[in-house]
C-alpha atoms as a PDB file:
ATOM      1  CA  MET A   1    -205.319 -26.886  46.127  1.00  0.00           C
ATOM      2  CA  PRO A   2    -206.352 -30.243  48.074  1.00  0.00           C
ATOM      3  CA  MET A   3    -203.617 -32.610  49.202  1.00  0.00           C
ATOM      4  CA  VAL A   4    -203.802 -35.152  46.586  1.00  0.00           C
ATOM      5  CA  ARG A   5    -203.508 -32.514  43.936  1.00  0.00           C
ATOM      6  CA  ARG A   6    -200.500 -31.002  45.599  1.00  0.00           C
ATOM      7  CA  PHE A   7    -198.799 -34.691  45.820  1.00  0.00           C
ATOM      8  CA  ALA A   8    -199.189 -35.169  42.239  1.00  0.00           C
ATOM      9  CA  LEU A   9    -198.324 -32.086  41.075  1.00  0.00           C
ATOM     10  CA  ARG A  10    -195.101 -32.592  43.400  1.00  0.00           C
ATOM     11  CA  LEU A  11    -194.670 -36.017  41.708  1.00  0.00           C
ATOM     12  CA  LEU A  12    -194.804 -34.826  38.406  1.00  0.00           C
ATOM     13  CA  ILE A  13    -192.309 -32.059  39.045  1.00  0.00           C
ATOM     14  CA  ALA A  14    -190.056 -34.538  40.650  1.00  0.00           C
ATOM     15  CA  LEU A  15    -190.539 -37.048  37.800  1.00  0.00           C
ATOM     16  CA  ALA A  16    -189.652 -34.130  35.160  1.00  0.00           C
ATOM     17  CA  ALA A  17    -186.703 -33.385  36.824  1.00  0.00           C
ATOM     18  CA  PHE A  18    -185.453 -36.890  37.301  1.00  0.00           C
ATOM     19  CA  VAL A  19    -186.162 -37.418  33.773  1.00  0.00           C
ATOM     20  CA  SER A  20    -184.264 -34.267  32.661  1.00  0.00           C
ATOM     21  CA  VAL A  21    -180.863 -34.853  34.697  1.00  0.00           C
ATOM     22  CA  VAL A  22    -181.152 -38.886  33.645  1.00  0.00           C
ATOM     23  CA  ALA A  23    -181.845 -38.633  29.776  1.00  0.00           C
ATOM     24  CA  PRO A  24    -178.579 -38.045  27.676  1.00  0.00           C
ATOM     25  CA  SER A  25    -178.529 -35.204  25.523  1.00  0.00           C
ATOM     26  CA  GLY A  26    -178.990 -36.353  21.795  1.00  0.00           C
ATOM     27  CA  ALA A  27    -180.344 -39.871  22.869  1.00  0.00           C
ATOM     28  CA  SER A  28    -181.540 -41.707  20.142  1.00  0.00           C
ATOM     29  CA  GLY A  29    -184.005 -44.660  20.225  1.00  0.00           C
ATOM     30  CA  ALA A  30    -187.414 -45.738  21.711  1.00  0.00           C
ATOM     31  CA  VAL A  31    -187.825 -45.551  25.257  1.00  0.00           C
ATOM     32  CA  VAL A  32    -190.299 -47.692  26.860  1.00  0.00           C
ATOM     33  CA  VAL A  33    -192.198 -45.661  29.666  1.00  0.00           C
ATOM     34  CA  ARG A  34    -194.830 -47.239  31.591  1.00  0.00           C
ATOM     35  CA  LEU A  35    -197.648 -45.045  33.132  1.00  0.00           C
ATOM     36  CA  ILE A  36    -199.766 -46.508  36.683  1.00  0.00           C
ATOM     37  CA  VAL A  37    -202.422 -43.977  37.127  1.00  0.00           C
ATOM     38  CA  PHE A  38    -205.253 -44.207  39.911  1.00  0.00           C
ATOM     39  CA  ASN A  39    -208.313 -42.295  39.107  1.00  0.00           C
ATOM     40  CA  ASP A  40    -212.035 -42.489  38.942  1.00  0.00           C
ATOM     41  CA  LEU A  41    -212.340 -42.299  42.685  1.00  0.00           C
ATOM     42  CA  HIS A  42    -216.263 -40.840  42.375  1.00  0.00           C
ATOM     43  CA  GLY A  43    -215.428 -38.276  45.369  1.00  0.00           C
ATOM     44  CA  HIS A  44    -214.588 -40.986  48.001  1.00  0.00           C
ATOM     45  CA  LEU A  45    -211.321 -39.451  49.146  1.00  0.00           C
ATOM     46  CA  GLU A  46    -211.675 -40.820  52.310  1.00  0.00           C
ATOM     47  CA  ALA A  47    -212.623 -44.091  53.365  1.00  0.00           C
ATOM     48  CA  GLY A  48    -216.260 -44.910  54.191  1.00  0.00           C
ATOM     49  CA  ASP A  49    -218.201 -47.833  55.443  1.00  0.00           C
ATOM     50  CA  ASN A  50    -217.867 -49.444  52.057  1.00  0.00           C
ATOM     51  CA  THR A  51    -216.924 -53.086  52.283  1.00  0.00           C
ATOM     52  CA  ILE A  52    -216.785 -56.363  49.979  1.00  0.00           C
ATOM     53  CA  ALA A  53    -216.823 -60.025  51.099  1.00  0.00           C
ATOM     54  CA  VAL A  54    -213.586 -61.745  50.309  1.00  0.00           C
ATOM     55  CA  PRO A  55    -212.397 -65.417  51.316  1.00  0.00           C
ATOM     56  CA  ASP A  56    -210.690 -65.255  54.844  1.00  0.00           C
ATOM     57  CA  PRO A  57    -207.025 -65.928  54.364  1.00  0.00           C
ATOM     58  CA  ARG A  58    -207.217 -67.901  57.809  1.00  0.00           C
ATOM     59  CA  ASP A  59    -210.060 -69.921  56.934  1.00  0.00           C
ATOM     60  CA  PRO A  60    -210.734 -70.167  53.152  1.00  0.00           C
ATOM     61  CA  SER A  61    -214.236 -71.622  53.851  1.00  0.00           C
ATOM     62  CA  ARG A  62    -215.580 -68.329  55.673  1.00  0.00           C
ATOM     63  CA  GLN A  63    -215.508 -64.792  54.201  1.00  0.00           C
ATOM     64  CA  ALA A  64    -214.230 -61.675  55.639  1.00  0.00           C
ATOM     65  CA  LEU A  65    -215.431 -58.087  55.002  1.00  0.00           C
ATOM     66  CA  LEU A  66    -212.846 -55.931  53.593  1.00  0.00           C
ATOM     67  CA  ARG A  67    -212.908 -52.238  53.720  1.00  0.00           C
ATOM     68  CA  VAL A  68    -212.775 -50.320  50.218  1.00  0.00           C
ATOM     69  CA  GLY A  69    -212.633 -46.982  48.925  1.00  0.00           C
ATOM     70  CA  GLY A  70    -210.848 -43.772  49.473  1.00  0.00           C
ATOM     71  CA  ALA A  71    -207.769 -43.074  48.780  1.00  0.00           C
ATOM     72  CA  ALA A  72    -205.943 -43.519  51.932  1.00  0.00           C
ATOM     73  CA  HIS A  73    -205.988 -47.076  50.858  1.00  0.00           C
ATOM     74  CA  LEU A  74    -203.593 -46.594  47.972  1.00  0.00           C
END
Protein backbone atom coordinates (compact mmCIF):
# COMPACT_ATOMS: atom_id res chain seq x y z
CA MET A 1 0.00 0.00 0.00
CA PRO A 2 1.51 3.40 -0.90
CA MET A 3 2.82 5.48 1.98
CA VAL A 4 0.20 8.24 1.56
CA ARG A 5 -2.67 5.74 1.71
CA ARG A 6 -1.19 4.08 4.79
CA PHE A 7 -0.89 7.46 6.48
CA ALA A 8 -4.48 8.39 5.56
CA LEU A 9 -5.78 5.05 6.83
CA ARG A 10 -3.90 5.40 10.12
CA LEU A 11 -5.20 8.94 10.52
CA LEU A 12 -8.80 7.84 9.95
CA ILE A 13 -8.45 4.99 12.44
CA ALA A 14 -6.94 7.33 15.05
CA LEU A 15 -9.70 9.88 14.49
CA ALA A 16 -12.40 7.23 14.81
CA ALA A 17 -10.84 5.96 18.04
CA PHE A 18 -10.59 9.50 19.42
CA VAL A 19 -14.19 10.35 18.59
CA SER A 20 -15.50 7.12 20.10
CA VAL A 21 -13.61 7.79 23.35
CA VAL A 22 -14.39 11.51 23.63
CA ALA A 23 -18.06 11.46 22.58
CA PRO A 24 -20.30 10.89 25.57
CA SER A 25 -22.84 8.11 25.18
CA GLY A 26 -26.38 9.27 24.58
CA ALA A 27 -25.22 12.74 23.60
CA SER A 28 -27.75 14.78 21.71
CA GLY A 29 -27.58 17.95 19.69
CA ALA A 30 -25.67 19.10 16.67
CA VAL A 31 -21.96 18.57 16.33
CA VAL A 32 -19.92 20.84 14.09
CA VAL A 33 -17.35 18.97 12.04
CA ARG A 34 -14.81 20.62 9.75
CA LEU A 35 -13.14 18.39 7.17
CA ILE A 36 -9.97 19.60 5.55
CA VAL A 37 -9.02 17.56 2.51
CA PHE A 38 -6.13 17.76 0.10
CA ASN A 39 -6.71 15.80 -3.04
CA ASP A 40 -6.44 15.93 -6.79
CA LEU A 41 -2.64 15.92 -6.92
CA HIS A 42 -2.78 14.72 -10.55
CA GLY A 43 -0.14 12.10 -9.82
CA HIS A 44 2.36 14.62 -8.45
CA LEU A 45 3.21 12.88 -5.21
CA GLU A 46 6.84 13.88 -5.55
CA ALA A 47 7.90 17.47 -6.03
CA GLY A 48 8.88 18.20 -9.61
CA ASP A 49 10.39 21.20 -11.35
CA ASN A 50 7.07 23.07 -11.34
CA THR A 51 7.41 26.69 -10.26
CA ILE A 52 5.26 29.80 -10.08
CA ALA A 53 6.39 33.42 -9.87
CA VAL A 54 5.39 35.22 -6.68
CA PRO A 55 6.38 38.64 -5.27
CA ASP A 56 9.70 38.44 -3.45
CA PRO A 57 9.04 39.08 0.28
CA ARG A 58 12.42 40.84 0.60
CA ASP A 59 11.87 43.06 -2.46
CA PRO A 60 8.24 43.34 -3.67
CA SER A 61 9.38 44.94 -6.93
CA ARG A 62 11.00 41.61 -7.92
CA GLN A 63 9.57 38.13 -8.36
CA ALA A 64 10.82 34.89 -6.85
CA LEU A 65 10.24 31.40 -8.20
CA LEU A 66 8.38 29.15 -5.77
CA ARG A 67 8.51 25.36 -6.21
CA VAL A 68 5.04 23.86 -6.17
CA GLY A 69 3.47 20.44 -6.37
CA GLY A 70 3.80 17.14 -4.67
CA ALA A 71 2.59 15.74 -1.39
CA ALA A 72 5.93 16.59 0.22
CA HIS A 73 4.95 20.28 0.25
CA LEU A 74 1.85 19.58 2.34
